[in-house]
């Protein structure tokens, strides 16, 4: 895990992505993935200024329709076109545990290691 993302997870109350490029998208999806895997339960939002994230949000809805992610996983990412509305949505956010991933346990610190069975069973 990126050390600074761990610091943001430790000290921040929420995550907000602004318009930017590949690095921001990578970090956004990494933190969304961590929420889906129940590594954290903090709200995550995108400030959708002038519809910047419209295509991305539509794509995520399509991914739900194609059954690649659950509806509850899609709800992890909150969006709004104004900062005031986004803050309100983030404050009202209630984490809904995705039953598909609720049984997974993930170590937060890199020093914690778990044994994994990586054998292939056909």
PDB file of N, CA and C in Angstrom:
ATOM      1  N   UNK A   1       0.844  -1.185   0.000  1.00  0.00           N
ATOM      2  CA  UNK A   1       0.000   0.000   0.000  1.00  0.00           C
ATOM      3  C   UNK A   1       0.882   1.239   0.000  1.00  0.00           C
ATOM      4  N   UNK A   2       0.416   2.252  -0.640  1.00  0.00           N
ATOM      5  CA  UNK A   2       1.165   3.490  -0.631  1.00  0.00           C
ATOM      6  C   UNK A   2       1.144   4.089   0.770  1.00  0.00           C
ATOM      7  N   UNK A   3       2.321   4.467   1.233  1.00  0.00           N
ATOM      8  CA  UNK A   3       2.441   4.982   2.591  1.00  0.00           C
ATOM      9  C   UNK A   3       1.566   6.212   2.827  1.00  0.00           C
ATOM     10  N   UNK A   4       1.509   7.112   1.842  1.00  0.00           N
ATOM     11  CA  UNK A   4       0.722   8.330   2.057  1.00  0.00           C
ATOM     12  C   UNK A   4      -0.776   8.043   2.019  1.00  0.00           C
ATOM     13  N   UNK A   5      -1.217   7.024   1.265  1.00  0.00           N
ATOM     14  CA  UNK A   5      -2.632   6.651   1.306  1.00  0.00           C
ATOM     15  C   UNK A   5      -2.990   6.091   2.679  1.00  0.00           C
ATOM     16  N   UNK A   6      -2.057   5.351   3.284  1.00  0.00           N
ATOM     17  CA  UNK A   6      -2.280   4.873   4.643  1.00  0.00           C
ATOM     18  C   UNK A   6      -2.419   6.034   5.613  1.00  0.00           C
ATOM     19  N   UNK A   7      -1.599   7.069   5.442  1.00  0.00           N
ATOM     20  CA  UNK A   7      -1.698   8.257   6.302  1.00  0.00           C
ATOM     21  C   UNK A   7      -3.042   8.956   6.107  1.00  0.00           C
ATOM     22  N   UNK A   8      -3.483   9.056   4.852  1.00  0.00           N
ATOM     23  CA  UNK A   8      -4.786   9.671   4.588  1.00  0.00           C
ATOM     24  C   UNK A   8      -5.896   8.831   5.211  1.00  0.00           C
ATOM     25  N   UNK A   9      -5.763   7.513   5.151  1.00  0.00           N
ATOM     26  CA  UNK A   9      -6.761   6.639   5.751  1.00  0.00           C
ATOM     27  C   UNK A   9      -6.770   6.793   7.271  1.00  0.00           C
ATOM     28  N   UNK A  10      -5.592   6.982   7.837  1.00  0.00           N
ATOM     29  CA  UNK A  10      -5.479   7.095   9.288  1.00  0.00           C
ATOM     30  C   UNK A  10      -6.027   8.429   9.794  1.00  0.00           C
ATOM     31  N   UNK A  11      -5.716   9.518   9.100  1.00  0.00           N
ATOM     32  CA  UNK A  11      -6.042  10.842   9.625  1.00  0.00           C
ATOM     33  C   UNK A  11      -7.241  11.511   8.951  1.00  0.00           C
ATOM     34  N   UNK A  12      -7.639  11.053   7.777  1.00  0.00           N
ATOM     35  CA  UNK A  12      -8.734  11.680   7.057  1.00  0.00           C
ATOM     36  C   UNK A  12     -10.084  11.113   7.440  1.00  0.00           C
ATOM     37  N   UNK A  13     -11.116  11.913   7.203  1.00  0.00           N
ATOM     38  CA  UNK A  13     -12.484  11.473   7.458  1.00  0.00           C
ATOM     39  C   UNK A  13     -13.164  10.975   6.190  1.00  0.00           C
ATOM     40  N   UNK A  14     -12.633  11.360   5.030  1.00  0.00           N
ATOM     41  CA  UNK A  14     -13.223  10.990   3.741  1.00  0.00           C
ATOM     42  C   UNK A  14     -12.173  11.188   2.662  1.00  0.00           C
ATOM     43  N   UNK A  15     -12.497  10.732   1.458  1.00  0.00           N
ATOM     44  CA  UNK A  15     -11.641  10.929   0.286  1.00  0.00           C
ATOM     45  C   UNK A  15     -12.445  11.660  -0.771  1.00  0.00           C
ATOM     46  N   UNK A  16     -11.828  12.655  -1.398  1.00  0.00           N
ATOM     47  CA  UNK A  16     -12.476  13.396  -2.483  1.00  0.00           C
ATOM     48  C   UNK A  16     -11.503  13.472  -3.649  1.00  0.00           C
ATOM     49  N   UNK A  17     -11.975  13.071  -4.828  1.00  0.00           N
ATOM     50  CA  UNK A  17     -11.169  13.165  -6.044  1.00  0.00           C
ATOM     51  C   UNK A  17     -11.652  14.365  -6.855  1.00  0.00           C
ATOM     52  N   UNK A  18     -10.694  15.124  -7.347  1.00  0.00           N
ATOM     53  CA  UNK A  18     -10.985  16.256  -8.222  1.00  0.00           C
ATOM     54  C   UNK A  18     -10.583  15.890  -9.642  1.00  0.00           C
ATOM     55  N   UNK A  19     -10.916  16.727 -10.584  1.00  0.00           N
ATOM     56  CA  UNK A  19     -10.570  16.458 -11.976  1.00  0.00           C
ATOM     57  C   UNK A  19      -9.057  16.385 -12.132  1.00  0.00           C
ATOM     58  N   UNK A  20      -8.599  15.326 -12.793  1.00  0.00           N
ATOM     59  CA  UNK A  20      -7.172  15.141 -13.024  1.00  0.00           C
ATOM     60  C   UNK A  20      -6.991  13.964 -13.966  1.00  0.00           C
ATOM     61  N   UNK A  21      -5.818  13.350 -13.937  1.00  0.00           N
ATOM     62  CA  UNK A  21      -5.474  12.326 -14.915  1.00  0.00           C
ATOM     63  C   UNK A  21      -5.374  10.931 -14.342  1.00  0.00           C
ATOM     64  N   UNK A  22      -4.527  10.126 -14.980  1.00  0.00           N
ATOM     65  CA  UNK A  22      -4.397   8.715 -14.647  1.00  0.00           C
ATOM     66  C   UNK A  22      -4.014   8.463 -13.193  1.00  0.00           C
ATOM     67  N   UNK A  23      -3.116   9.259 -12.640  1.00  0.00           N
ATOM     68  CA  UNK A  23      -2.684   9.045 -11.260  1.00  0.00           C
ATOM     69  C   UNK A  23      -3.837   9.179 -10.280  1.00  0.00           C
ATOM     70  N   UNK A  24      -4.648  10.202 -10.481  1.00  0.00           N
ATOM     71  CA  UNK A  24      -5.809  10.401  -9.610  1.00  0.00           C
ATOM     72  C   UNK A  24      -6.798   9.256  -9.764  1.00  0.00           C
ATOM     73  N   UNK A  25      -7.021   8.806 -11.005  1.00  0.00           N
ATOM     74  CA  UNK A  25      -7.949   7.699 -11.227  1.00  0.00           C
ATOM     75  C   UNK A  25      -7.437   6.412 -10.580  1.00  0.00           C
ATOM     76  N   UNK A  26      -6.120   6.181 -10.680  1.00  0.00           N
ATOM     77  CA  UNK A  26      -5.544   4.995 -10.048  1.00  0.00           C
ATOM     78  C   UNK A  26      -5.774   5.032  -8.541  1.00  0.00           C
ATOM     79  N   UNK A  27      -5.480   6.177  -7.935  1.00  0.00           N
ATOM     80  CA  UNK A  27      -5.640   6.311  -6.488  1.00  0.00           C
ATOM     81  C   UNK A  27      -7.109   6.220  -6.087  1.00  0.00           C
ATOM     82  N   UNK A  28      -7.990   6.797  -6.902  1.00  0.00           N
ATOM     83  CA  UNK A  28      -9.421   6.733  -6.628  1.00  0.00           C
ATOM     84  C   UNK A  28      -9.894   5.276  -6.612  1.00  0.00           C
ATOM     85  N   UNK A  29      -9.537   4.529  -7.637  1.00  0.00           N
ATOM     86  CA  UNK A  29      -9.988   3.138  -7.695  1.00  0.00           C
ATOM     87  C   UNK A  29      -9.296   2.268  -6.652  1.00  0.00           C
ATOM     88  N   UNK A  30      -8.089   2.622  -6.283  1.00  0.00           N
ATOM     89  CA  UNK A  30      -7.424   1.865  -5.218  1.00  0.00           C
ATOM     90  C   UNK A  30      -8.179   2.047  -3.910  1.00  0.00           C
ATOM     91  N   UNK A  31      -8.549   3.271  -3.585  1.00  0.00           N
ATOM     92  CA  UNK A  31      -9.234   3.524  -2.317  1.00  0.00           C
ATOM     93  C   UNK A  31     -10.662   2.970  -2.355  1.00  0.00           C
ATOM     94  N   UNK A  32     -11.302   2.980  -3.534  1.00  0.00           N
ATOM     95  CA  UNK A  32     -12.622   2.359  -3.690  1.00  0.00           C
ATOM     96  C   UNK A  32     -12.500   0.850  -3.494  1.00  0.00           C
ATOM     97  N   UNK A  33     -11.465   0.251  -4.068  1.00  0.00           N
ATOM     98  CA  UNK A  33     -11.239  -1.189  -3.899  1.00  0.00           C
ATOM     99  C   UNK A  33     -11.037  -1.545  -2.436  1.00  0.00           C
ATOM    100  N   UNK A  34     -10.284  -0.720  -1.724  1.00  0.00           N
ATOM    101  CA  UNK A  34     -10.059  -0.971  -0.298  1.00  0.00           C
ATOM    102  C   UNK A  34     -11.374  -0.914   0.471  1.00  0.00           C
ATOM    103  N   UNK A  35     -12.256   0.001   0.094  1.00  0.00           N
ATOM    104  CA  UNK A  35     -13.566   0.064   0.756  1.00  0.00           C
ATOM    105  C   UNK A  35     -14.373  -1.188   0.433  1.00  0.00           C
ATOM    106  N   UNK A  36     -14.353  -1.608  -0.825  1.00  0.00           N
ATOM    107  CA  UNK A  36     -15.090  -2.806  -1.226  1.00  0.00           C
ATOM    108  C   UNK A  36     -14.583  -4.029  -0.473  1.00  0.00           C
ATOM    109  N   UNK A  37     -13.283  -4.068  -0.212  1.00  0.00           N
ATOM    110  CA  UNK A  37     -12.683  -5.190   0.505  1.00  0.00           C
ATOM    111  C   UNK A  37     -12.752  -5.032   2.019  1.00  0.00           C
ATOM    112  N   UNK A  38     -13.421  -3.967   2.474  1.00  0.00           N
ATOM    113  CA  UNK A  38     -13.618  -3.686   3.897  1.00  0.00           C
ATOM    114  C   UNK A  38     -12.311  -3.373   4.626  1.00  0.00           C
ATOM    115  N   UNK A  39     -11.362  -2.788   3.916  1.00  0.00           N
ATOM    116  CA  UNK A  39     -10.131  -2.329   4.548  1.00  0.00           C
ATOM    117  C   UNK A  39     -10.398  -1.020   5.283  1.00  0.00           C
ATOM    118  N   UNK A  40     -11.321  -0.224   4.766  1.00  0.00           N
ATOM    119  CA  UNK A  40     -11.765   0.990   5.455  1.00  0.00           C
ATOM    120  C   UNK A  40     -13.239   1.190   5.154  1.00  0.00           C
ATOM    121  N   UNK A  41     -13.883   2.074   5.913  1.00  0.00           N
ATOM    122  CA  UNK A  41     -15.309   2.347   5.737  1.00  0.00           C
ATOM    123  C   UNK A  41     -15.570   3.841   5.602  1.00  0.00           C
ATOM    124  N   UNK A  42     -14.621   4.560   5.032  1.00  0.00           N
ATOM    125  CA  UNK A  42     -14.743   6.013   4.890  1.00  0.00           C
ATOM    126  C   UNK A  42     -15.412   6.365   3.573  1.00  0.00           C
ATOM    127  N   UNK A  43     -16.170   7.451   3.560  1.00  0.00           N
ATOM    128  CA  UNK A  43     -16.836   7.850   2.314  1.00  0.00           C
ATOM    129  C   UNK A  43     -15.835   8.339   1.268  1.00  0.00           C
ATOM    130  N   UNK A  44     -16.190   8.094   0.007  1.00  0.00           N
ATOM    131  CA  UNK A  44     -15.336   8.460  -1.119  1.00  0.00           C
ATOM    132  C   UNK A  44     -16.190   9.215  -2.127  1.00  0.00           C
ATOM    133  N   UNK A  45     -15.730  10.393  -2.517  1.00  0.00           N
ATOM    134  CA  UNK A  45     -16.511  11.179  -3.452  1.00  0.00           C
ATOM    135  C   UNK A  45     -15.687  11.732  -4.598  1.00  0.00           C
ATOM    136  N   UNK A  46     -16.392  12.041  -5.684  1.00  0.00           N
ATOM    137  CA  UNK A  46     -15.780  12.756  -6.799  1.00  0.00           C
ATOM    138  C   UNK A  46     -16.547  14.055  -6.977  1.00  0.00           C
ATOM    139  N   UNK A  47     -15.809  15.144  -7.105  1.00  0.00           N
ATOM    140  CA  UNK A  47     -16.411  16.437  -7.383  1.00  0.00           C
ATOM    141  C   UNK A  47     -16.554  16.542  -8.897  1.00  0.00           C
ATOM    142  N   UNK A  48     -17.756  16.360  -9.368  1.00  0.00           N
ATOM    143  CA  UNK A  48     -18.043  16.223 -10.788  1.00  0.00           C
ATOM    144  C   UNK A  48     -18.318  17.590 -11.429  1.00  0.00           C
ATOM    145  N   UNK A  49     -17.312  18.441 -11.446  1.00  0.00           N
ATOM    146  CA  UNK A  49     -17.438  19.794 -11.981  1.00  0.00           C
ATOM    147  C   UNK A  49     -17.644  19.741 -13.487  1.00  0.00           C
ATOM    148  N   UNK A  50     -18.669  20.429 -13.962  1.00  0.00           N
ATOM    149  CA  UNK A  50     -18.990  20.500 -15.397  1.00  0.00           C
ATOM    150  C   UNK A  50     -19.110  19.124 -16.045  1.00  0.00           C
ATOM    151  N   UNK A  51     -19.545  18.124 -15.261  1.00  0.00           N
ATOM    152  CA  UNK A  51     -19.758  16.785 -15.813  1.00  0.00           C
ATOM    153  C   UNK A  51     -18.491  16.026 -16.146  1.00  0.00           C
ATOM    154  N   UNK A  52     -17.350  16.434 -15.568  1.00  0.00           N
ATOM    155  CA  UNK A  52     -16.066  15.807 -15.879  1.00  0.00           C
ATOM    156  C   UNK A  52     -16.103  14.290 -15.714  1.00  0.00           C
ATOM    157  N   UNK A  53     -16.756  13.801 -14.663  1.00  0.00           N
ATOM    158  CA  UNK A  53     -16.776  12.368 -14.363  1.00  0.00           C
ATOM    159  C   UNK A  53     -18.018  11.658 -14.907  1.00  0.00           C
ATOM    160  N   UNK A  54     -18.856  12.325 -15.698  1.00  0.00           N
ATOM    161  CA  UNK A  54     -20.099  11.715 -16.186  1.00  0.00           C
ATOM    162  C   UNK A  54     -19.858  10.388 -16.899  1.00  0.00           C
ATOM    163  N   UNK A  55     -18.906  10.357 -17.806  1.00  0.00           N
ATOM    164  CA  UNK A  55     -18.638   9.121 -18.564  1.00  0.00           C
ATOM    165  C   UNK A  55     -18.131   8.011 -17.647  1.00  0.00           C
ATOM    166  N   UNK A  56     -17.292   8.355 -16.689  1.00  0.00           N
ATOM    167  CA  UNK A  56     -16.783   7.363 -15.747  1.00  0.00           C
ATOM    168  C   UNK A  56     -17.925   6.803 -14.907  1.00  0.00           C
ATOM    169  N   UNK A  57     -18.800   7.669 -14.417  1.00  0.00           N
ATOM    170  CA  UNK A  57     -19.926   7.221 -13.597  1.00  0.00           C
ATOM    171  C   UNK A  57     -20.889   6.363 -14.409  1.00  0.00           C
ATOM    172  N   UNK A  58     -21.116   6.727 -15.665  1.00  0.00           N
ATOM    173  CA  UNK A  58     -21.950   5.904 -16.553  1.00  0.00           C
ATOM    174  C   UNK A  58     -21.315   4.542 -16.789  1.00  0.00           C
ATOM    175  N   UNK A  59     -19.993   4.533 -16.960  1.00  0.00           N
ATOM    176  CA  UNK A  59     -19.280   3.271 -17.134  1.00  0.00           C
ATOM    177  C   UNK A  59     -19.455   2.376 -15.906  1.00  0.00           C
ATOM    178  N   UNK A  60     -19.359   2.946 -14.715  1.00  0.00           N
ATOM    179  CA  UNK A  60     -19.531   2.159 -13.494  1.00  0.00           C
ATOM    180  C   UNK A  60     -20.952   1.595 -13.409  1.00  0.00           C
ATOM    181  N   UNK A  61     -21.939   2.370 -13.831  1.00  0.00           N
ATOM    182  CA  UNK A  61     -23.314   1.858 -13.874  1.00  0.00           C
ATOM    183  C   UNK A  61     -23.412   0.693 -14.861  1.00  0.00           C
ATOM    184  N   UNK A  62     -22.732   0.806 -15.990  1.00  0.00           N
ATOM    185  CA  UNK A  62     -22.703  -0.275 -16.988  1.00  0.00           C
ATOM    186  C   UNK A  62     -22.045  -1.524 -16.402  1.00  0.00           C
ATOM    187  N   UNK A  63     -20.989  -1.348 -15.643  1.00  0.00           N
ATOM    188  CA  UNK A  63     -20.294  -2.474 -15.023  1.00  0.00           C
ATOM    189  C   UNK A  63     -21.232  -3.204 -14.060  1.00  0.00           C
ATOM    190  N   UNK A  64     -22.074  -2.453 -13.347  1.00  0.00           N
ATOM    191  CA  UNK A  64     -23.073  -3.078 -12.473  1.00  0.00           C
ATOM    192  C   UNK A  64     -24.067  -3.879 -13.313  1.00  0.00           C
ATOM    193  N   UNK A  65     -24.560  -3.269 -14.400  1.00  0.00           N
ATOM    194  CA  UNK A  65     -25.516  -3.953 -15.279  1.00  0.00           C
ATOM    195  C   UNK A  65     -24.951  -5.249 -15.851  1.00  0.00           C
ATOM    196  N   UNK A  66     -23.648  -5.275 -16.070  1.00  0.00           N
ATOM    197  CA  UNK A  66     -22.981  -6.463 -16.607  1.00  0.00           C
ATOM    198  C   UNK A  66     -22.556  -7.443 -15.513  1.00  0.00           C
ATOM    199  N   UNK A  67     -22.913  -7.134 -14.263  1.00  0.00           N
ATOM    200  CA  UNK A  67     -22.649  -8.005 -13.106  1.00  0.00           C
ATOM    201  C   UNK A  67     -21.175  -8.198 -12.782  1.00  0.00           C
ATOM    202  N   UNK A  68     -20.365  -7.188 -13.049  1.00  0.00           N
ATOM    203  CA  UNK A  68     -18.957  -7.261 -12.655  1.00  0.00           C
ATOM    204  C   UNK A  68     -18.731  -6.691 -11.264  1.00  0.00           C
ATOM    205  N   UNK A  69     -19.588  -5.774 -10.840  1.00  0.00           N
ATOM    206  CA  UNK A  69     -19.588  -5.297  -9.454  1.00  0.00           C
ATOM    207  C   UNK A  69     -21.035  -5.269  -8.971  1.00  0.00           C
ATOM    208  N   UNK A  70     -21.206  -5.336  -7.670  1.00  0.00           N
ATOM    209  CA  UNK A  70     -22.555  -5.314  -7.095  1.00  0.00           C
ATOM    210  C   UNK A  70     -23.064  -3.882  -6.978  1.00  0.00           C
ATOM    211  N   UNK A  71     -24.368  -3.758  -6.815  1.00  0.00           N
ATOM    212  CA  UNK A  71     -24.959  -2.428  -6.610  1.00  0.00           C
ATOM    213  C   UNK A  71     -24.412  -1.783  -5.342  1.00  0.00           C
ATOM    214  N   UNK A  72     -24.221  -2.576  -4.301  1.00  0.00           N
ATOM    215  CA  UNK A  72     -23.696  -2.007  -3.057  1.00  0.00           C
ATOM    216  C   UNK A  72     -22.254  -1.531  -3.241  1.00  0.00           C
ATOM    217  N   UNK A  73     -21.475  -2.244  -4.045  1.00  0.00           N
ATOM    218  CA  UNK A  73     -20.107  -1.794  -4.324  1.00  0.00           C
ATOM    219  C   UNK A  73     -20.130  -0.489  -5.119  1.00  0.00           C
ATOM    220  N   UNK A  74     -21.061  -0.354  -6.042  1.00  0.00           N
ATOM    221  CA  UNK A  74     -21.170   0.881  -6.840  1.00  0.00           C
ATOM    222  C   UNK A  74     -21.508   2.083  -5.967  1.00  0.00           C
ATOM    223  N   UNK A  75     -22.253   1.846  -4.893  1.00  0.00           N
ATOM    224  CA  UNK A  75     -22.662   2.937  -4.003  1.00  0.00           C
ATOM    225  C   UNK A  75     -21.504   3.494  -3.171  1.00  0.00           C
ATOM    226  N   UNK A  76     -20.375   2.817  -3.198  1.00  0.00           N
ATOM    227  CA  UNK A  76     -19.206   3.295  -2.457  1.00  0.00           C
ATOM    228  C   UNK A  76     -18.767   4.659  -2.965  1.00  0.00           C
ATOM    229  N   UNK A  77     -18.863   4.875  -4.278  1.00  0.00           N
ATOM    230  CA  UNK A  77     -18.388   6.115  -4.889  1.00  0.00           C
ATOM    231  C   UNK A  77     -19.541   7.110  -5.004  1.00  0.00           C
ATOM    232  N   UNK A  78     -19.407   8.229  -4.319  1.00  0.00           N
ATOM    233  CA  UNK A  78     -20.425   9.279  -4.272  1.00  0.00           C
ATOM    234  C   UNK A  78     -19.994  10.395  -5.207  1.00  0.00           C
ATOM    235  N   UNK A  79     -20.957  11.037  -5.867  1.00  0.00           N
ATOM    236  CA  UNK A  79     -20.595  12.144  -6.748  1.00  0.00           C
ATOM    237  C   UNK A  79     -21.567  13.300  -6.583  1.00  0.00           C
ATOM    238  N   UNK A  80     -21.066  14.479  -6.886  1.00  0.00           N
ATOM    239  CA  UNK A  80     -21.881  15.686  -6.883  1.00  0.00           C
ATOM    240  C   UNK A  80     -21.171  16.749  -7.696  1.00  0.00           C
ATOM    241  N   UNK A  81     -21.956  17.681  -8.231  1.00  0.00           N
ATOM    242  CA  UNK A  81     -21.377  18.744  -9.057  1.00  0.00           C
ATOM    243  C   UNK A  81     -20.957  19.963  -8.243  1.00  0.00           C
ATOM    244  N   UNK A  82     -21.344  20.022  -6.967  1.00  0.00           N
ATOM    245  CA  UNK A  82     -20.931  21.152  -6.121  1.00  0.00           C
ATOM    246  C   UNK A  82     -20.247  20.634  -4.859  1.00  0.00           C
ATOM    247  N   UNK A  83     -19.318  21.402  -4.365  1.00  0.00           N
ATOM    248  CA  UNK A  83     -18.586  21.010  -3.156  1.00  0.00           C
ATOM    249  C   UNK A  83     -19.526  20.906  -1.960  1.00  0.00           C
ATOM    250  N   UNK A  84     -20.444  21.850  -1.840  1.00  0.00           N
ATOM    251  CA  UNK A  84     -21.361  21.844  -0.698  1.00  0.00           C
ATOM    252  C   UNK A  84     -22.219  20.582  -0.675  1.00  0.00           C
ATOM    253  N   UNK A  85     -22.765  20.231  -1.837  1.00  0.00           N
ATOM    254  CA  UNK A  85     -23.604  19.034  -1.910  1.00  0.00           C
ATOM    255  C   UNK A  85     -22.777  17.769  -1.664  1.00  0.00           C
ATOM    256  N   UNK A  86     -21.566  17.727  -2.209  1.00  0.00           N
ATOM    257  CA  UNK A  86     -20.710  16.562  -2.013  1.00  0.00           C
ATOM    258  C   UNK A  86     -20.373  16.371  -0.543  1.00  0.00           C
ATOM    259  N   UNK A  87     -20.035  17.454   0.144  1.00  0.00           N
ATOM    260  CA  UNK A  87     -19.728  17.365   1.580  1.00  0.00           C
ATOM    261  C   UNK A  87     -20.939  16.834   2.344  1.00  0.00           C
ATOM    262  N   UNK A  88     -22.116  17.322   1.999  1.00  0.00           N
ATOM    263  CA  UNK A  88     -23.336  16.833   2.645  1.00  0.00           C
ATOM    264  C   UNK A  88     -23.552  15.348   2.416  1.00  0.00           C
ATOM    265  N   UNK A  89     -23.344  14.897   1.184  1.00  0.00           N
ATOM    266  CA  UNK A  89     -23.496  13.474   0.872  1.00  0.00           C
ATOM    267  C   UNK A  89     -22.456  12.635   1.602  1.00  0.00           C
ATOM    268  N   UNK A  90     -21.228  13.136   1.684  1.00  0.00           N
ATOM    269  CA  UNK A  90     -20.176  12.405   2.390  1.00  0.00           C
ATOM    270  C   UNK A  90     -20.500  12.298   3.877  1.00  0.00           C
ATOM    271  N   UNK A  91     -21.025  13.381   4.450  1.00  0.00           N
ATOM    272  CA  UNK A  91     -21.382  13.361   5.873  1.00  0.00           C
ATOM    273  C   UNK A  91     -22.541  12.409   6.149  1.00  0.00           C
ATOM    274  N   UNK A  92     -23.445  12.258   5.190  1.00  0.00           N
ATOM    275  CA  UNK A  92     -24.615  11.384   5.359  1.00  0.00           C
ATOM    276  C   UNK A  92     -24.327   9.934   4.980  1.00  0.00           C
ATOM    277  N   UNK A  93     -23.154   9.678   4.436  1.00  0.00           N
ATOM    278  CA  UNK A  93     -22.807   8.341   3.947  1.00  0.00           C
ATOM    279  C   UNK A  93     -22.867   7.319   5.068  1.00  0.00           C
ATOM    280  N   UNK A  94     -23.465   6.176   4.761  1.00  0.00           N
ATOM    281  CA  UNK A  94     -23.486   5.041   5.680  1.00  0.00           C
ATOM    282  C   UNK A  94     -22.910   3.845   4.931  1.00  0.00           C
ATOM    283  N   UNK A  95     -21.813   3.321   5.431  1.00  0.00           N
ATOM    284  CA  UNK A  95     -21.145   2.201   4.781  1.00  0.00           C
ATOM    285  C   UNK A  95     -22.041   0.967   4.807  1.00  0.00           C
ATOM    286  N   UNK A  96     -22.233   0.356   3.645  1.00  0.00           N
ATOM    287  CA  UNK A  96     -23.006  -0.873   3.530  1.00  0.00           C
ATOM    288  C   UNK A  96     -22.051  -1.994   3.139  1.00  0.00           C
ATOM    289  N   UNK A  97     -21.873  -2.919   4.030  1.00  0.00           N
ATOM    290  CA  UNK A  97     -20.950  -4.021   3.799  1.00  0.00           C
ATOM    291  C   UNK A  97     -21.452  -4.898   2.666  1.00  0.00           C
ATOM    292  N   UNK A  98     -20.609  -5.156   1.707  1.00  0.00           N
ATOM    293  CA  UNK A  98     -20.931  -6.029   0.584  1.00  0.00           C
ATOM    294  C   UNK A  98     -20.762  -7.465   1.055  1.00  0.00           C
ATOM    295  N   UNK A  99     -21.839  -8.226   1.053  1.00  0.00           N
ATOM    296  CA  UNK A  99     -21.791  -9.600   1.563  1.00  0.00           C
ATOM    297  C   UNK A  99     -20.804 -10.481   0.807  1.00  0.00           C
ATOM    298  N   UNK A 100     -20.531 -10.146  -0.444  1.00  0.00           N
ATOM    299  CA  UNK A 100     -19.588 -10.942  -1.232  1.00  0.00           C
ATOM    300  C   UNK A 100     -18.168 -10.837  -0.703  1.00  0.00           C
ATOM    301  N   UNK A 101     -17.838  -9.732  -0.061  1.00  0.00           N
ATOM    302  CA  UNK A 101     -16.473  -9.536   0.435  1.00  0.00           C
ATOM    303  C   UNK A 101     -16.403  -9.392   1.950  1.00  0.00           C
ATOM    304  N   UNK A 102     -17.520  -9.540   2.641  1.00  0.00           N
ATOM    305  CA  UNK A 102     -17.548  -9.272   4.079  1.00  0.00           C
ATOM    306  C   UNK A 102     -16.748 -10.268   4.905  1.00  0.00           C
ATOM    307  N   UNK A 103     -16.494 -11.443   4.388  1.00  0.00           N
ATOM    308  CA  UNK A 103     -15.769 -12.461   5.142  1.00  0.00           C
ATOM    309  C   UNK A 103     -14.254 -12.316   5.014  1.00  0.00           C
ATOM    310  N   UNK A 104     -13.810 -11.424   4.149  1.00  0.00           N
ATOM    311  CA  UNK A 104     -12.377 -11.250   3.940  1.00  0.00           C
ATOM    312  C   UNK A 104     -11.776 -10.389   5.037  1.00  0.00           C
ATOM    313  N   UNK A 105     -10.587 -10.734   5.466  1.00  0.00           N
ATOM    314  CA  UNK A 105      -9.852  -9.961   6.474  1.00  0.00           C
ATOM    315  C   UNK A 105      -8.549  -9.500   5.854  1.00  0.00           C
ATOM    316  N   UNK A 106      -8.292  -8.205   5.893  1.00  0.00           N
ATOM    317  CA  UNK A 106      -7.120  -7.643   5.243  1.00  0.00           C
ATOM    318  C   UNK A 106      -6.266  -6.911   6.262  1.00  0.00           C
ATOM    319  N   UNK A 107      -4.963  -7.225   6.296  1.00  0.00           N
ATOM    320  CA  UNK A 107      -4.071  -6.491   7.204  1.00  0.00           C
ATOM    321  C   UNK A 107      -3.838  -5.074   6.691  1.00  0.00           C
ATOM    322  N   UNK A 108      -3.840  -4.112   7.599  1.00  0.00           N
ATOM    323  CA  UNK A 108      -3.604  -2.720   7.238  1.00  0.00           C
ATOM    324  C   UNK A 108      -2.110  -2.439   7.135  1.00  0.00           C
ATOM    325  N   UNK A 109      -1.345  -2.958   8.068  1.00  0.00           N
ATOM    326  CA  UNK A 109       0.090  -2.695   8.077  1.00  0.00           C
ATOM    327  C   UNK A 109       0.810  -3.752   7.252  1.00  0.00           C
ATOM    328  N   UNK A 110       1.821  -3.316   6.525  1.00  0.00           N
ATOM    329  CA  UNK A 110       2.552  -4.246   5.670  1.00  0.00           C
ATOM    330  C   UNK A 110       3.314  -5.294   6.479  1.00  0.00           C
ATOM    331  N   UNK A 111       3.544  -5.023   7.771  1.00  0.00           N
ATOM    332  CA  UNK A 111       4.274  -5.988   8.594  1.00  0.00           C
ATOM    333  C   UNK A 111       3.401  -7.177   8.969  1.00  0.00           C
ATOM    334  N   UNK A 112       2.078  -7.055   8.813  1.00  0.00           N
ATOM    335  CA  UNK A 112       1.192  -8.161   9.107  1.00  0.00           C
ATOM    336  C   UNK A 112       1.090  -9.030   7.863  1.00  0.00           C
ATOM    337  N   UNK A 113       1.446 -10.295   8.001  1.00  0.00           N
ATOM    338  CA  UNK A 113       1.395 -11.205   6.863  1.00  0.00           C
ATOM    339  C   UNK A 113       0.462 -12.351   7.196  1.00  0.00           C
ATOM    340  N   UNK A 114      -0.230 -12.808   6.169  1.00  0.00           N
ATOM    341  CA  UNK A 114      -1.117 -13.934   6.334  1.00  0.00           C
ATOM    342  C   UNK A 114      -0.697 -15.024   5.365  1.00  0.00           C
ATOM    343  N   UNK A 115      -0.825 -16.273   5.803  1.00  0.00           N
ATOM    344  CA  UNK A 115      -0.565 -17.393   4.917  1.00  0.00           C
ATOM    345  C   UNK A 115      -1.743 -17.544   3.975  1.00  0.00           C
ATOM    346  N   UNK A 116      -1.443 -17.767   2.714  1.00  0.00           N
ATOM    347  CA  UNK A 116      -2.496 -17.918   1.727  1.00  0.00           C
ATOM    348  C   UNK A 116      -2.313 -19.237   1.002  1.00  0.00           C
ATOM    349  N   UNK A 117      -3.400 -19.926   0.732  1.00  0.00           N
ATOM    350  CA  UNK A 117      -3.365 -21.150  -0.052  1.00  0.00           C
ATOM    351  C   UNK A 117      -3.530 -20.746  -1.511  1.00  0.00           C
ATOM    352  N   UNK A 118      -2.458 -20.791  -2.276  1.00  0.00           N
ATOM    353  CA  UNK A 118      -2.483 -20.392  -3.685  1.00  0.00           C
ATOM    354  C   UNK A 118      -2.465 -21.599  -4.616  1.00  0.00           C
ATOM    355  N   UNK A 119      -2.772 -22.765  -4.049  1.00  0.00           N
ATOM    356  CA  UNK A 119      -2.782 -23.963  -4.898  1.00  0.00           C
ATOM    357  C   UNK A 119      -4.011 -23.961  -5.801  1.00  0.00           C
ATOM    358  N   UNK A 120      -3.840 -24.525  -6.977  1.00  0.00           N
ATOM    359  CA  UNK A 120      -4.895 -24.583  -7.967  1.00  0.00           C
ATOM    360  C   UNK A 120      -5.696 -25.865  -7.769  1.00  0.00           C
ATOM    361  N   UNK A 121      -7.010 -25.711  -7.598  1.00  0.00           N
ATOM    362  CA  UNK A 121      -7.893 -26.870  -7.419  1.00  0.00           C
ATOM    363  C   UNK A 121      -8.812 -26.944  -8.628  1.00  0.00           C
ATOM    364  N   UNK A 122      -8.661 -28.024  -9.398  1.00  0.00           N
ATOM    365  CA  UNK A 122      -9.488 -28.195 -10.594  1.00  0.00           C
ATOM    366  C   UNK A 122     -10.630 -29.144 -10.340  1.00  0.00           C
TER     367      UNK A 122
END
